[in-house]
Amino acid sequence: MGITLTDDKFIPHYNPETMETNLPGLYLAGVVCGGLDTHLWFIENSRVNADMIIADILLKR
C-alpha cells in the first residue's frame, strides 16, 4: 500500500498521537504497529488505538 517501514524491524511509520500512517487517511492499530516486534503490542496497550483514530478522523471532517 506504500506505508514506509523501518529498515531493521519493518516497523511502519505512523503518528503515535493519531495512528495515521505516511499515507493520509490510512491508519494502523494494534499488533501491526510493531512490525517484527509484535510482542510489544497487547490488547491492554492497543485498545486505545481506535479512540485515537476516530478522534483524528472527526477532527478532519
PDB file of N, CA and C in Angstrom:
ATOM      1  N   MET A   1       0.825  -1.204   0.000  1.00  0.00           N
ATOM      2  CA  MET A   1       0.000   0.000   0.000  1.00  0.00           C
ATOM      3  C   MET A   1       0.861   1.257   0.000  1.00  0.00           C
ATOM      4  N   GLY A   2       2.139   1.120   0.304  1.00  0.00           N
ATOM      5  CA  GLY A   2       3.007   2.286   0.275  1.00  0.00           C
ATOM      6  C   GLY A   2       3.375   2.854   1.632  1.00  0.00           C
ATOM      7  N   ILE A   3       3.012   2.171   2.694  1.00  0.00           N
ATOM      8  CA  ILE A   3       3.402   2.623   4.025  1.00  0.00           C
ATOM      9  C   ILE A   3       4.911   2.426   4.158  1.00  0.00           C
ATOM     10  N   THR A   4       5.611   3.456   4.585  1.00  0.00           N
ATOM     11  CA  THR A   4       7.051   3.312   4.756  1.00  0.00           C
ATOM     12  C   THR A   4       7.337   2.542   6.041  1.00  0.00           C
ATOM     13  N   LEU A   5       8.415   1.750   5.998  1.00  0.00           N
ATOM     14  CA  LEU A   5       8.804   0.896   7.114  1.00  0.00           C
ATOM     15  C   LEU A   5      10.243   1.170   7.504  1.00  0.00           C
ATOM     16  N   THR A   6      10.581   0.884   8.760  1.00  0.00           N
ATOM     17  CA  THR A   6      11.982   0.965   9.166  1.00  0.00           C
ATOM     18  C   THR A   6      12.742  -0.174   8.498  1.00  0.00           C
ATOM     19  N   ASP A   7      14.028   0.022   8.301  1.00  0.00           N
ATOM     20  CA  ASP A   7      14.845  -0.980   7.619  1.00  0.00           C
ATOM     21  C   ASP A   7      15.099  -2.222   8.450  1.00  0.00           C
ATOM     22  N   ASP A   8      15.181  -2.048   9.770  1.00  0.00           N
ATOM     23  CA  ASP A   8      15.591  -3.184  10.596  1.00  0.00           C
ATOM     24  C   ASP A   8      14.455  -4.109  11.016  1.00  0.00           C
ATOM     25  N   LYS A   9      13.374  -3.562  11.518  1.00  0.00           N
ATOM     26  CA  LYS A   9      12.305  -4.421  12.053  1.00  0.00           C
ATOM     27  C   LYS A   9      10.987  -4.223  11.330  1.00  0.00           C
ATOM     28  N   PHE A  10      11.035  -3.524  10.209  1.00  0.00           N
ATOM     29  CA  PHE A  10       9.849  -3.300   9.387  1.00  0.00           C
ATOM     30  C   PHE A  10       8.692  -2.671  10.169  1.00  0.00           C
ATOM     31  N   ILE A  11       9.043  -1.778  11.071  1.00  0.00           N
ATOM     32  CA  ILE A  11       8.023  -1.063  11.836  1.00  0.00           C
ATOM     33  C   ILE A  11       7.471   0.048  10.952  1.00  0.00           C
ATOM     34  N   PRO A  12       6.156   0.101  10.766  1.00  0.00           N
ATOM     35  CA  PRO A  12       5.580   1.122   9.901  1.00  0.00           C
ATOM     36  C   PRO A  12       5.692   2.514  10.525  1.00  0.00           C
ATOM     37  N   HIS A  13       5.864   3.501   9.666  1.00  0.00           N
ATOM     38  CA  HIS A  13       5.879   4.878  10.138  1.00  0.00           C
ATOM     39  C   HIS A  13       4.442   5.353  10.304  1.00  0.00           C
ATOM     40  N   TYR A  14       4.146   5.840  11.487  1.00  0.00           N
ATOM     41  CA  TYR A  14       2.818   6.370  11.780  1.00  0.00           C
ATOM     42  C   TYR A  14       2.953   7.408  12.883  1.00  0.00           C
ATOM     43  N   ASN A  15       1.954   8.269  12.969  1.00  0.00           N
ATOM     44  CA  ASN A  15       1.920   9.284  14.009  1.00  0.00           C
ATOM     45  C   ASN A  15       1.401   8.618  15.283  1.00  0.00           C
ATOM     46  N   PRO A  16       2.198   8.562  16.340  1.00  0.00           N
ATOM     47  CA  PRO A  16       1.760   7.874  17.554  1.00  0.00           C
ATOM     48  C   PRO A  16       0.610   8.574  18.281  1.00  0.00           C
ATOM     49  N   GLU A  17       0.307   9.810  17.904  1.00  0.00           N
ATOM     50  CA  GLU A  17      -0.811  10.517  18.535  1.00  0.00           C
ATOM     51  C   GLU A  17      -2.127  10.274  17.809  1.00  0.00           C
ATOM     52  N   THR A  18      -2.049   9.953  16.514  1.00  0.00           N
ATOM     53  CA  THR A  18      -3.264   9.760  15.723  1.00  0.00           C
ATOM     54  C   THR A  18      -3.352   8.375  15.093  1.00  0.00           C
ATOM     55  N   MET A  19      -2.247   7.676  15.018  1.00  0.00           N
ATOM     56  CA  MET A  19      -2.117   6.360  14.391  1.00  0.00           C
ATOM     57  C   MET A  19      -2.201   6.427  12.865  1.00  0.00           C
ATOM     58  N   GLU A  20      -2.153   7.638  12.292  1.00  0.00           N
ATOM     59  CA  GLU A  20      -2.190   7.793  10.844  1.00  0.00           C
ATOM     60  C   GLU A  20      -0.807   7.520  10.264  1.00  0.00           C
ATOM     61  N   THR A  21      -0.772   6.778   9.170  1.00  0.00           N
ATOM     62  CA  THR A  21       0.491   6.444   8.528  1.00  0.00           C
ATOM     63  C   THR A  21       0.963   7.605   7.663  1.00  0.00           C
ATOM     64  N   ASN A  22       2.045   7.369   6.928  1.00  0.00           N
ATOM     65  CA  ASN A  22       2.536   8.368   5.993  1.00  0.00           C
ATOM     66  C   ASN A  22       1.572   8.565   4.825  1.00  0.00           C
ATOM     67  N   LEU A  23       0.586   7.700   4.702  1.00  0.00           N
ATOM     68  CA  LEU A  23      -0.445   7.850   3.682  1.00  0.00           C
ATOM     69  C   LEU A  23      -1.678   8.480   4.322  1.00  0.00           C
ATOM     70  N   PRO A  24      -2.007   9.706   3.948  1.00  0.00           N
ATOM     71  CA  PRO A  24      -3.154  10.393   4.561  1.00  0.00           C
ATOM     72  C   PRO A  24      -4.425   9.553   4.503  1.00  0.00           C
ATOM     73  N   GLY A  25      -5.081   9.437   5.653  1.00  0.00           N
ATOM     74  CA  GLY A  25      -6.334   8.708   5.738  1.00  0.00           C
ATOM     75  C   GLY A  25      -6.185   7.217   5.969  1.00  0.00           C
ATOM     76  N   LEU A  26      -4.940   6.740   6.051  1.00  0.00           N
ATOM     77  CA  LEU A  26      -4.709   5.322   6.317  1.00  0.00           C
ATOM     78  C   LEU A  26      -4.129   5.171   7.717  1.00  0.00           C
ATOM     79  N   TYR A  27      -4.835   4.460   8.568  1.00  0.00           N
ATOM     80  CA  TYR A  27      -4.476   4.326   9.975  1.00  0.00           C
ATOM     81  C   TYR A  27      -4.106   2.876  10.295  1.00  0.00           C
ATOM     82  N   LEU A  28      -3.304   2.723  11.332  1.00  0.00           N
ATOM     83  CA  LEU A  28      -2.934   1.406  11.831  1.00  0.00           C
ATOM     84  C   LEU A  28      -3.371   1.274  13.284  1.00  0.00           C
ATOM     85  N   ALA A  29      -3.621   0.041  13.699  1.00  0.00           N
ATOM     86  CA  ALA A  29      -3.994  -0.204  15.084  1.00  0.00           C
ATOM     87  C   ALA A  29      -3.513  -1.587  15.505  1.00  0.00           C
ATOM     88  N   GLY A  30      -3.159  -1.696  16.758  1.00  0.00           N
ATOM     89  CA  GLY A  30      -2.809  -2.992  17.315  1.00  0.00           C
ATOM     90  C   GLY A  30      -1.444  -3.509  16.923  1.00  0.00           C
ATOM     91  N   VAL A  31      -1.346  -4.811  16.841  1.00  0.00           N
ATOM     92  CA  VAL A  31      -0.076  -5.503  16.696  1.00  0.00           C
ATOM     93  C   VAL A  31       0.669  -5.127  15.411  1.00  0.00           C
ATOM     94  N   VAL A  32      -0.038  -4.738  14.374  1.00  0.00           N
ATOM     95  CA  VAL A  32       0.620  -4.372  13.117  1.00  0.00           C
ATOM     96  C   VAL A  32       1.559  -3.178  13.296  1.00  0.00           C
ATOM     97  N   CYS A  33       1.350  -2.381  14.316  1.00  0.00           N
ATOM     98  CA  CYS A  33       2.197  -1.215  14.583  1.00  0.00           C
ATOM     99  C   CYS A  33       3.608  -1.608  15.024  1.00  0.00           C
ATOM    100  N   GLY A  34       3.796  -2.831  15.414  1.00  0.00           N
ATOM    101  CA  GLY A  34       5.086  -3.272  15.922  1.00  0.00           C
ATOM    102  C   GLY A  34       6.029  -3.869  14.901  1.00  0.00           C
ATOM    103  N   GLY A  35       5.611  -3.995  13.656  1.00  0.00           N
ATOM    104  CA  GLY A  35       6.475  -4.642  12.670  1.00  0.00           C
ATOM    105  C   GLY A  35       6.837  -6.033  13.143  1.00  0.00           C
ATOM    106  N   LEU A  36       8.137  -6.335  13.163  1.00  0.00           N
ATOM    107  CA  LEU A  36       8.576  -7.648  13.641  1.00  0.00           C
ATOM    108  C   LEU A  36       8.559  -7.758  15.161  1.00  0.00           C
ATOM    109  N   ASP A  37       8.376  -6.640  15.856  1.00  0.00           N
ATOM    110  CA  ASP A  37       8.304  -6.644  17.322  1.00  0.00           C
ATOM    111  C   ASP A  37       6.849  -6.750  17.783  1.00  0.00           C
ATOM    112  N   THR A  38       6.164  -7.770  17.338  1.00  0.00           N
ATOM    113  CA  THR A  38       4.750  -7.923  17.682  1.00  0.00           C
ATOM    114  C   THR A  38       4.534  -8.150  19.173  1.00  0.00           C
ATOM    115  N   HIS A  39       5.566  -8.613  19.849  1.00  0.00           N
ATOM    116  CA  HIS A  39       5.437  -8.880  21.289  1.00  0.00           C
ATOM    117  C   HIS A  39       5.261  -7.607  22.114  1.00  0.00           C
ATOM    118  N   LEU A  40       5.414  -6.439  21.508  1.00  0.00           N
ATOM    119  CA  LEU A  40       5.261  -5.177  22.235  1.00  0.00           C
ATOM    120  C   LEU A  40       3.804  -4.724  22.339  1.00  0.00           C
ATOM    121  N   TRP A  41       2.942  -5.324  21.550  1.00  0.00           N
ATOM    122  CA  TRP A  41       1.555  -4.890  21.485  1.00  0.00           C
ATOM    123  C   TRP A  41       0.619  -5.955  22.049  1.00  0.00           C
ATOM    124  N   PHE A  42      -0.232  -5.500  22.931  1.00  0.00           N
ATOM    125  CA  PHE A  42      -1.206  -6.371  23.589  1.00  0.00           C
ATOM    126  C   PHE A  42      -2.554  -5.675  23.578  1.00  0.00           C
ATOM    127  N   ILE A  43      -3.600  -6.380  23.887  1.00  0.00           N
ATOM    128  CA  ILE A  43      -4.930  -5.767  23.976  1.00  0.00           C
ATOM    129  C   ILE A  43      -4.899  -4.599  24.942  1.00  0.00           C
ATOM    130  N   GLU A  44      -4.166  -4.757  26.031  1.00  0.00           N
ATOM    131  CA  GLU A  44      -4.139  -3.737  27.076  1.00  0.00           C
ATOM    132  C   GLU A  44      -3.540  -2.409  26.598  1.00  0.00           C
ATOM    133  N   ASN A  45      -2.556  -2.445  25.719  1.00  0.00           N
ATOM    134  CA  ASN A  45      -1.941  -1.183  25.314  1.00  0.00           C
ATOM    135  C   ASN A  45      -2.295  -0.769  23.888  1.00  0.00           C
ATOM    136  N   SER A  46      -3.164  -1.521  23.221  1.00  0.00           N
ATOM    137  CA  SER A  46      -3.557  -1.111  21.879  1.00  0.00           C
ATOM    138  C   SER A  46      -5.052  -0.842  21.747  1.00  0.00           C
ATOM    139  N   ARG A  47      -5.801  -1.101  22.777  1.00  0.00           N
ATOM    140  CA  ARG A  47      -7.250  -0.888  22.674  1.00  0.00           C
ATOM    141  C   ARG A  47      -7.610   0.583  22.572  1.00  0.00           C
ATOM    142  N   VAL A  48      -6.700   1.463  22.936  1.00  0.00           N
ATOM    143  CA  VAL A  48      -6.950   2.899  22.811  1.00  0.00           C
ATOM    144  C   VAL A  48      -6.749   3.394  21.385  1.00  0.00           C
ATOM    145  N   ASN A  49      -6.155   2.561  20.527  1.00  0.00           N
ATOM    146  CA  ASN A  49      -5.894   2.972  19.149  1.00  0.00           C
ATOM    147  C   ASN A  49      -7.159   3.397  18.424  1.00  0.00           C
ATOM    148  N   ALA A  50      -8.239   2.689  18.599  1.00  0.00           N
ATOM    149  CA  ALA A  50      -9.494   3.026  17.921  1.00  0.00           C
ATOM    150  C   ALA A  50      -9.976   4.409  18.316  1.00  0.00           C
ATOM    151  N   ASP A  51      -9.900   4.740  19.595  1.00  0.00           N
ATOM    152  CA  ASP A  51     -10.316   6.064  20.050  1.00  0.00           C
ATOM    153  C   ASP A  51      -9.459   7.160  19.425  1.00  0.00           C
ATOM    154  N   MET A  52      -8.157   6.913  19.323  1.00  0.00           N
ATOM    155  CA  MET A  52      -7.241   7.891  18.734  1.00  0.00           C
ATOM    156  C   MET A  52      -7.550   8.097  17.247  1.00  0.00           C
ATOM    157  N   ILE A  53      -7.828   7.012  16.558  1.00  0.00           N
ATOM    158  CA  ILE A  53      -8.129   7.083  15.130  1.00  0.00           C
ATOM    159  C   ILE A  53      -9.442   7.822  14.895  1.00  0.00           C
ATOM    160  N   ILE A  54     -10.469   7.454  15.631  1.00  0.00           N
ATOM    161  CA  ILE A  54     -11.775   8.101  15.477  1.00  0.00           C
ATOM    162  C   ILE A  54     -11.681   9.590  15.777  1.00  0.00           C
ATOM    163  N   ALA A  55     -10.960   9.956  16.829  1.00  0.00           N
ATOM    164  CA  ALA A  55     -10.809  11.363  17.191  1.00  0.00           C
ATOM    165  C   ALA A  55     -10.136  12.134  16.058  1.00  0.00           C
ATOM    166  N   ASP A  56      -9.126  11.554  15.436  1.00  0.00           N
ATOM    167  CA  ASP A  56      -8.439  12.240  14.349  1.00  0.00           C
ATOM    168  C   ASP A  56      -9.336  12.376  13.119  1.00  0.00           C
ATOM    169  N   ILE A  57     -10.070  11.336  12.805  1.00  0.00           N
ATOM    170  CA  ILE A  57     -10.989  11.409  11.658  1.00  0.00           C
ATOM    171  C   ILE A  57     -12.045  12.476  11.882  1.00  0.00           C
ATOM    172  N   LEU A  58     -12.600  12.554  13.086  1.00  0.00           N
ATOM    173  CA  LEU A  58     -13.625  13.552  13.379  1.00  0.00           C
ATOM    174  C   LEU A  58     -13.072  14.969  13.311  1.00  0.00           C
ATOM    175  N   LEU A  59     -11.818  15.160  13.687  1.00  0.00           N
ATOM    176  CA  LEU A  59     -11.202  16.493  13.589  1.00  0.00           C
ATOM    177  C   LEU A  59     -11.050  16.942  12.149  1.00  0.00           C
ATOM    178  N   LYS A  60     -10.933  16.014  11.241  1.00  0.00           N
ATOM    179  CA  LYS A  60     -10.708  16.340   9.823  1.00  0.00           C
ATOM    180  C   LYS A  60     -11.988  16.529   9.030  1.00  0.00           C
ATOM    181  N   ARG A  61     -13.120  16.312   9.662  1.00  0.00           N
ATOM    182  CA  ARG A  61     -14.408  16.438   8.959  1.00  0.00           C
ATOM    183  C   ARG A  61     -14.759  17.861   8.682  1.00  0.00           C
TER     184      ARG A  61
END
